[in-house]
Every structure is written in C-alpha cells, then in structure tokens.
Amino acid sequence: MVAGEVILRELVDLASRWRPVRASAMATRIGAPTRRWLAAVDQEPLVWPVLAWVVLMCGAGMPSLNGQTSDGEPIVIGRSYTLQSDVLEQVRRFNVYLPPGYEESESTSYPVLYLLDGGVAEDFVHIVGIAALAADFRRIRPFIVVGVEGIDRYHDLVHPTSVEEERERLPTAGGSEDFRQFLAKELRPAVTSRFRVSDETVLIGESAAGLFVVETLLRQPDLFGGYVAVSPMLWWDGGSLSKASAEMVGAIELRSPGRLFLTIADEGGDMREGVDRVVSALEDGAPRHLEWRFEPMEEESHGTIFHPAALAAVRWLFATAEVAP
C-alpha cells in the first residue's frame, strides 16, 4: 500500500470519530506518514472540521480503496503471559495492557492496576477500556493493567470458613493467604522485572475479589499502595472479617501513605452489614496515613456496579495533577 493510501485510510478513520482536538493529540493513533502530513495543519484550528467533512465525503460508501473488502486485522489490546508458581504449585496466566506511548517513552515508568478476576473472559477487557480513557484526555494518568486470570476463584480469593454450609457448597475455598503470597513473592516481582513500573500500585476486585482486597488491606496493608473493594463479600464465614475489622484497622501500620476506595451496590442484609462494620471501623480508627472513601452506588445492582465503580476509583486514584485532591 502506498503512503497516500495509508494516509487516506487513517484520515477516514480519524474523521469518522472526530472530536475537536489538535492533530498532535492523535499522534499515538496514526502512522508516521500521516503524522508528518498533519504537522503542517496542526496550528490551524478550522482544519479538523473541514478535514472531517472532506474525508467522509471522499470515503462515503467506499468499503476499501481497491473495491474489495479486506480479510480483517486483529485488534490487540494486550498480551498474555504465564508464570510457574512455586507458591501455588501451578502455572498462572496474567494479561497485561500497556498504555499508548509505552514503547516510545523509554524513560517513563507507569503505575500498575492489579486486577483480580483479570482473565480475558473475566474483567480484563472492560477494565482496559477504562484504562484507555487516560489516552483520551479524561484527566486520568496513564497506567498499566495486570489482570490475574482465575482458575479456582473461591479457592484463591476467600479465607477459610467455619460455616459448614459454605464448606459444603465451596469445598475448595480458603486459599486466600497462599494467593496473597503468590502476588507478593512471584507475580509482582515478575511484573517489575519485565515492565517499566513505578512504585504506585493498586489492587482492585469485586464481590469475592472485593473480599480479598479488604482482607489484604487488613492483613498485609503495605503490599499495595491503593485498594479498590467493590461490593465485597463480607458476609463470608458469618461476617468474621468485618466483625474483626475494628481491631485489625487499629493495628494497621503503613510504611507509606495508602488509599482505599470502598463501595457497594443496592445490597442490604448481611452484605451491607459487613461493609458498614468496616466503614465504622475506619471512621473510628483509620491510621493517619490511610486516605479512604466510601461511596455507595445504590442505583447499581451487584451485577452492574463494577464498571462504574472502577471508573470512579480510577478517576480518584490515578487523577492527573490538575484534578488530584
């Protein structure tokens, strides 16, 4: 394909989703020939709307430049890796999204969002969509997403239970401590050695994964710098973790400042009672260096809360300097 065809194809694509931004802002989305061509028009504010109209008129009804449809191309949002875990005695898969410009900015280090339930068939794709907002000028700093794919979700994410009915229903549950050590001793070092990461890390999870987030904050608070717990399953084991939260919060010692974003959907009963106990413990005894927010989302259900909650948390935890509190 000649350079002119490449430029026209990319301009058709840009014009089809045009918004009033400068040409330089699109630099990570287009190729070098198009960037060089746009450099001459970048200072002309009226070029974009005119260009959008012209290119769309040229491309209207044109499936391809040679009159034939292409075979299509893969849409790549990340890469998948495997890691042999000695702690868990199994091979674990994790998926990684790198922000636009990562390959070009060789001296830049990025924060990392560690996503539980982070498989491609789990929550990786839609959380990466939120991460991509940072590249679209939504006042969010670019960050890396590391999605930890699940194998046996309740084994990995929940602590042991003394409730017989729960043991019978989920007989493999109770391996959260081993999974936490896998994150601390194997996954995080593997990510740090392979990618340019900063010291800023956040752990995010919903439901059973939300329970794991809260437990990690209470038992190993310095493992991550930020925590996002969405509708955590704090009813587990008769609510034992939430009932112990007042004492555990009082014992938290942070070597560096930490942050917590906690939320719950329109869920009452023992689900809400557990969250309320944790909130009460934080109100009464949160350490000085722990900044926390509780933002209930009662307009959401358990099945719909994760995406809006993740967006709200990311906007706070990864805010750019001009909007950071």
Protein backbone atom coordinates (compact mmCIF):
# COMPACT_ATOMS: atom_id res chain seq x y z
CA MET A 1 0.00 0.00 0.00
CA VAL A 2 1.45 3.39 -0.97
CA ALA A 3 1.87 6.20 1.55
CA GLY A 4 -1.05 8.20 0.14
CA GLU A 5 -3.43 5.28 0.64
CA VAL A 6 -2.19 4.82 4.21
CA ILE A 7 -2.78 8.50 4.96
CA LEU A 8 -6.27 8.46 3.43
CA ARG A 9 -7.29 5.33 5.34
CA GLU A 10 -6.10 6.80 8.63
CA LEU A 11 -7.78 10.14 7.96
CA VAL A 12 -11.07 8.38 7.18
CA ASP A 13 -10.75 6.57 10.49
CA LEU A 14 -9.96 9.76 12.43
CA ALA A 15 -12.71 11.73 10.76
CA SER A 16 -15.29 9.03 11.44
CA ARG A 17 -14.76 9.56 15.18
CA TRP A 18 -13.80 13.22 15.02
CA ARG A 19 -13.78 15.41 18.07
CA PRO A 20 -12.36 18.94 18.40
CA VAL A 21 -8.79 18.18 19.46
CA ARG A 22 -5.45 19.16 17.99
CA ALA A 23 -3.74 16.94 15.46
CA SER A 24 -0.82 16.27 17.80
CA ALA A 25 -3.21 14.64 20.26
CA MET A 26 -3.84 11.86 17.76
CA ALA A 27 -0.13 11.06 17.41
CA THR A 28 -0.32 7.68 19.07
CA ARG A 29 -3.20 6.54 16.84
CA ILE A 30 -1.73 7.20 13.40
CA GLY A 31 1.35 6.25 11.41
CA ALA A 32 4.43 8.32 10.68
CA PRO A 33 3.41 9.43 7.14
CA THR A 34 0.10 10.79 8.42
CA ARG A 35 1.78 12.47 11.41
CA ARG A 36 4.21 14.26 9.11
CA TRP A 37 1.37 15.41 6.86
CA LEU A 38 -0.68 16.65 9.82
CA ALA A 39 2.25 18.60 11.28
CA ALA A 40 1.64 21.30 8.71
CA VAL A 41 -2.01 21.76 9.68
CA ASP A 42 -1.71 21.33 13.44
CA GLN A 43 -1.78 25.07 14.09
CA GLU A 44 -4.96 25.66 12.07
CA PRO A 45 -8.00 25.22 14.36
CA LEU A 46 -10.51 25.10 11.49
CA VAL A 47 -8.74 22.30 9.65
CA TRP A 48 -10.26 19.47 11.66
CA PRO A 49 -13.96 20.09 10.97
CA VAL A 50 -13.24 20.81 7.30
CA LEU A 51 -10.99 17.76 7.04
CA ALA A 52 -13.64 15.59 8.70
CA TRP A 53 -16.24 16.67 6.12
CA VAL A 54 -13.94 16.27 3.13
CA VAL A 55 -12.61 12.86 4.12
CA LEU A 56 -16.02 11.49 4.99
CA MET A 57 -17.37 12.68 1.65
CA CYS A 58 -14.44 11.02 -0.12
CA GLY A 59 -14.84 7.80 1.84
CA ALA A 60 -18.64 7.55 1.87
CA GLY A 61 -19.81 4.21 0.58
CA MET A 62 -16.24 3.08 -0.06
CA PRO A 63 -15.65 -0.32 1.62
CA SER A 64 -11.97 -0.27 0.61
CA LEU A 65 -9.71 1.68 -1.74
CA ASN A 66 -9.50 -1.16 -4.25
CA GLY A 67 -13.20 -2.01 -4.20
CA GLN A 68 -12.73 -5.21 -2.20
CA THR A 69 -13.13 -5.90 1.50
CA SER A 70 -10.02 -6.94 3.38
CA ASP A 71 -9.53 -10.09 5.43
CA GLY A 72 -9.53 -8.00 8.58
CA GLU A 73 -6.81 -7.44 11.12
CA PRO A 74 -6.56 -8.43 14.80
CA ILE A 75 -7.46 -5.78 17.36
CA VAL A 76 -4.78 -6.14 20.03
CA ILE A 77 -5.33 -4.63 23.48
CA GLY A 78 -2.70 -6.52 25.43
CA ARG A 79 -0.50 -9.56 25.79
CA SER A 80 -0.91 -12.72 27.83
CA TYR A 81 1.88 -14.32 29.89
CA THR A 82 2.26 -17.43 32.02
CA LEU A 83 4.17 -17.81 35.26
CA GLN A 84 5.14 -21.01 37.02
CA SER A 85 4.16 -20.50 40.66
CA ASP A 86 6.06 -22.38 43.32
CA VAL A 87 3.75 -20.97 45.97
CA LEU A 88 0.59 -22.25 44.30
CA GLU A 89 2.29 -25.20 42.56
CA GLN A 90 0.61 -24.39 39.25
CA VAL A 91 1.05 -22.30 36.13
CA ARG A 92 -0.79 -18.99 36.34
CA ARG A 93 -1.74 -16.70 33.49
CA PHE A 94 -1.75 -12.92 33.65
CA ASN A 95 -2.75 -10.41 31.00
CA VAL A 96 -1.09 -7.03 30.51
CA TYR A 97 -2.30 -3.79 28.96
CA LEU A 98 0.32 -1.14 28.26
CA PRO A 99 -0.78 2.47 27.74
CA PRO A 100 -0.27 4.19 24.36
CA GLY A 101 3.22 5.57 24.04
CA TYR A 102 4.77 2.98 26.37
CA GLU A 103 7.15 1.67 23.70
CA GLU A 104 8.27 5.18 22.71
CA SER A 105 8.70 6.63 26.22
CA GLU A 106 11.68 4.56 27.27
CA SER A 107 12.38 6.61 30.40
CA THR A 108 8.81 6.75 31.73
CA SER A 109 7.58 4.45 34.50
CA TYR A 110 3.88 3.78 34.99
CA PRO A 111 1.56 2.96 37.90
CA VAL A 112 0.06 -0.53 37.87
CA LEU A 113 -3.52 -1.61 38.48
CA TYR A 114 -3.59 -5.26 39.56
CA LEU A 115 -6.96 -6.67 38.55
CA LEU A 116 -8.33 -9.78 40.24
CA ASP A 117 -10.62 -11.87 38.01
CA GLY A 118 -8.41 -10.48 35.25
CA GLY A 119 -8.84 -13.10 32.54
CA VAL A 120 -9.95 -12.19 29.02
CA ALA A 121 -13.25 -13.98 29.71
CA GLU A 122 -13.48 -12.21 33.10
CA ASP A 123 -12.99 -8.46 33.71
CA PHE A 124 -9.80 -7.67 31.78
CA VAL A 125 -11.36 -6.24 28.61
CA HIS A 126 -13.77 -3.78 30.19
CA ILE A 127 -11.27 -2.54 32.78
CA VAL A 128 -8.76 -1.97 29.98
CA GLY A 129 -11.47 0.15 28.34
CA ILE A 130 -11.39 2.38 31.42
CA ALA A 131 -7.60 2.50 31.32
CA ALA A 132 -7.79 3.60 27.69
CA LEU A 133 -9.65 6.73 28.80
CA ALA A 134 -6.31 8.03 30.05
CA ALA A 135 -5.14 8.17 26.45
CA ASP A 136 -8.28 10.06 25.53
CA PHE A 137 -7.59 13.06 27.76
CA ARG A 138 -10.05 12.28 30.58
CA ARG A 139 -7.75 13.65 33.31
CA ILE A 140 -6.51 10.19 34.20
CA ARG A 141 -2.80 9.38 34.28
CA PRO A 142 -1.74 6.50 32.01
CA PHE A 143 -1.33 3.22 33.86
CA ILE A 144 -0.60 -0.44 33.21
CA VAL A 145 -3.27 -3.08 33.85
CA VAL A 146 -2.18 -6.53 35.03
CA GLY A 147 -5.12 -8.91 35.00
CA VAL A 148 -4.68 -12.07 37.09
CA GLU A 149 -6.69 -14.80 35.44
CA GLY A 150 -8.70 -17.01 37.75
CA ILE A 151 -8.56 -20.80 37.97
CA ASP A 152 -10.47 -21.69 41.12
CA ARG A 153 -11.92 -18.33 42.12
CA TYR A 154 -13.16 -19.16 45.60
CA HIS A 155 -10.04 -21.10 46.50
CA ASP A 156 -7.85 -18.13 45.61
CA LEU A 157 -9.92 -15.22 46.85
CA VAL A 158 -11.64 -16.16 50.11
CA HIS A 159 -10.28 -17.09 53.51
CA PRO A 160 -11.27 -20.31 55.31
CA THR A 161 -14.76 -20.56 56.72
CA SER A 162 -16.15 -22.22 59.81
CA VAL A 163 -19.68 -22.28 58.35
CA GLU A 164 -20.48 -25.87 57.40
CA GLU A 165 -22.93 -24.93 54.66
CA GLU A 166 -20.27 -22.77 52.96
CA ARG A 167 -17.73 -25.58 53.24
CA GLU A 168 -20.11 -27.98 51.56
CA ARG A 169 -21.05 -25.54 48.80
CA LEU A 170 -17.47 -24.39 48.10
CA PRO A 171 -15.22 -27.21 49.30
CA THR A 172 -12.02 -25.80 47.74
CA ALA A 173 -12.43 -22.31 49.25
CA GLY A 174 -9.98 -20.89 51.74
CA GLY A 175 -6.67 -20.36 49.91
CA SER A 176 -6.51 -16.57 50.04
CA GLU A 177 -3.29 -16.44 52.09
CA ASP A 178 -1.39 -18.56 49.57
CA PHE A 179 -2.75 -16.47 46.72
CA ARG A 180 -1.66 -13.30 48.50
CA GLN A 181 1.86 -14.68 48.82
CA PHE A 182 1.81 -15.54 45.11
CA LEU A 183 1.03 -11.90 44.35
CA ALA A 184 3.69 -10.62 46.74
CA LYS A 185 6.55 -13.04 46.07
CA GLU A 186 6.05 -14.08 42.45
CA LEU A 187 3.68 -12.00 40.35
CA ARG A 188 4.71 -8.51 41.43
CA PRO A 189 8.44 -9.25 41.07
CA ALA A 190 7.79 -10.76 37.62
CA VAL A 191 5.89 -7.66 36.51
CA THR A 192 8.51 -5.31 37.96
CA SER A 193 11.34 -7.11 36.17
CA ARG A 194 9.62 -7.14 32.77
CA PHE A 195 7.89 -3.74 32.60
CA ARG A 196 8.72 -0.14 33.45
CA VAL A 197 6.59 0.29 36.54
CA SER A 198 6.60 2.93 39.24
CA ASP A 199 6.18 2.28 42.95
CA GLU A 200 2.48 3.14 42.66
CA THR A 201 0.31 0.02 42.77
CA VAL A 202 -3.42 -0.55 43.21
CA LEU A 203 -5.34 -3.79 43.80
CA ILE A 204 -8.94 -3.95 42.55
CA GLY A 205 -11.65 -6.59 42.89
CA GLU A 206 -15.39 -7.12 43.13
CA SER A 207 -17.51 -9.50 45.22
CA ALA A 208 -15.23 -12.41 46.28
CA ALA A 209 -12.30 -10.44 44.87
CA GLY A 210 -13.54 -7.43 46.86
CA LEU A 211 -13.37 -9.55 50.00
CA PHE A 212 -9.77 -10.42 49.09
CA VAL A 213 -8.97 -6.72 48.66
CA VAL A 214 -10.33 -5.86 52.12
CA GLU A 215 -8.56 -8.82 53.72
CA THR A 216 -5.27 -7.83 52.09
CA LEU A 217 -5.58 -4.26 53.36
CA LEU A 218 -6.23 -5.54 56.87
CA ARG A 219 -3.62 -8.32 56.94
CA GLN A 220 -0.82 -7.02 54.70
CA PRO A 221 -1.55 -3.31 54.19
CA ASP A 222 1.81 -2.38 52.63
CA LEU A 223 1.52 -4.96 49.85
CA PHE A 224 -0.22 -2.37 47.63
CA GLY A 225 -0.42 1.39 47.83
CA GLY A 226 -4.09 1.54 46.87
CA TYR A 227 -7.11 -0.72 47.27
CA VAL A 228 -10.47 -0.81 45.46
CA ALA A 229 -13.10 -3.06 47.03
CA VAL A 230 -16.39 -3.24 45.13
CA SER A 231 -19.36 -4.90 46.85
CA PRO A 232 -17.03 -7.11 48.92
CA MET A 233 -18.42 -10.47 50.00
CA LEU A 234 -18.04 -9.65 53.69
CA TRP A 235 -20.86 -11.98 54.72
CA TRP A 236 -18.47 -14.91 54.20
CA ASP A 237 -17.73 -17.03 57.27
CA GLY A 238 -20.52 -15.40 59.22
CA GLY A 239 -19.00 -11.97 58.60
CA SER A 240 -15.89 -12.86 60.60
CA LEU A 241 -13.56 -10.45 58.80
CA SER A 242 -15.86 -7.46 59.19
CA LYS A 243 -16.51 -8.33 62.83
CA ALA A 244 -12.75 -8.29 63.46
CA SER A 245 -12.19 -5.16 61.39
CA ALA A 246 -12.22 -2.68 64.29
CA GLU A 247 -9.28 -4.43 65.95
CA MET A 248 -7.50 -5.05 62.63
CA VAL A 249 -7.87 -1.46 61.42
CA GLY A 250 -6.41 -0.24 64.70
CA ALA A 251 -3.38 -2.46 64.16
CA ILE A 252 -2.60 -1.24 60.63
CA GLU A 253 0.88 0.22 60.34
CA LEU A 254 1.71 1.80 56.99
CA ARG A 255 5.29 2.49 55.95
CA SER A 256 3.99 4.81 53.24
CA PRO A 257 0.64 6.52 52.58
CA GLY A 258 -2.17 4.24 51.41
CA ARG A 259 -5.62 4.72 49.90
CA LEU A 260 -8.86 2.77 49.86
CA PHE A 261 -11.93 3.15 47.65
CA LEU A 262 -14.87 1.16 49.04
CA THR A 263 -18.33 0.89 47.54
CA ILE A 264 -21.43 -1.31 47.48
CA ALA A 265 -24.49 -1.60 45.26
CA ASP A 266 -28.15 -1.78 46.31
CA GLU A 267 -27.43 -4.75 48.54
CA GLY A 268 -28.84 -4.98 52.02
CA GLY A 269 -28.82 -7.72 54.62
CA ASP A 270 -25.55 -9.27 55.72
CA MET A 271 -23.81 -7.93 52.60
CA ARG A 272 -24.38 -4.32 53.65
CA GLU A 273 -23.91 -5.07 57.35
CA GLY A 274 -20.38 -6.30 56.71
CA VAL A 275 -19.46 -3.23 54.69
CA ASP A 276 -20.97 -0.94 57.33
CA ARG A 277 -18.87 -2.60 60.04
CA VAL A 278 -15.70 -1.93 58.06
CA VAL A 279 -16.75 1.68 57.42
CA SER A 280 -17.42 2.14 61.14
CA ALA A 281 -14.01 0.70 61.98
CA LEU A 282 -12.36 3.12 59.54
CA GLU A 283 -14.29 6.08 60.92
CA ASP A 284 -13.21 5.23 64.44
CA GLY A 285 -9.62 4.17 63.95
CA ALA A 286 -8.18 4.50 60.44
CA PRO A 287 -4.46 5.22 60.57
CA ARG A 288 -3.42 8.76 59.76
CA HIS A 289 -1.67 7.77 56.54
CA LEU A 290 -4.65 5.88 55.12
CA GLU A 291 -6.87 8.06 52.93
CA TRP A 292 -10.18 6.35 52.27
CA ARG A 293 -13.51 6.93 50.58
CA PHE A 294 -16.81 5.11 50.95
CA GLU A 295 -19.10 5.86 48.02
CA PRO A 296 -22.20 3.62 47.95
CA MET A 297 -23.77 3.20 44.49
CA GLU A 298 -27.30 2.25 45.39
CA GLU A 299 -28.52 2.90 41.86
CA GLU A 300 -26.48 -0.14 40.76
CA SER A 301 -27.02 -3.86 41.33
CA HIS A 302 -24.40 -6.44 42.20
CA GLY A 303 -24.23 -7.33 38.52
CA THR A 304 -23.78 -3.77 37.22
CA ILE A 305 -21.66 -1.97 39.79
CA PHE A 306 -18.13 -2.99 38.83
CA HIS A 307 -17.67 -0.86 35.73
CA PRO A 308 -18.95 2.47 37.14
CA ALA A 309 -17.20 1.80 40.45
CA ALA A 310 -13.90 1.06 38.72
CA LEU A 311 -14.19 4.26 36.70
CA ALA A 312 -14.87 6.33 39.83
CA ALA A 313 -11.95 4.71 41.65
CA VAL A 314 -9.53 5.19 38.75
CA ARG A 315 -10.52 8.84 38.42
CA TRP A 316 -9.54 9.35 42.05
CA LEU A 317 -6.50 7.10 42.37
CA PHE A 318 -4.90 7.99 39.02
CA ALA A 319 -6.05 11.61 38.71
CA THR A 320 -3.77 13.96 36.86
CA ALA A 321 -2.08 16.70 38.86
CA GLU A 322 -4.60 19.41 37.97
CA VAL A 323 -7.56 17.42 39.37
CA ALA A 324 -5.90 15.46 42.16
CA PRO A 325 -7.20 16.41 45.65
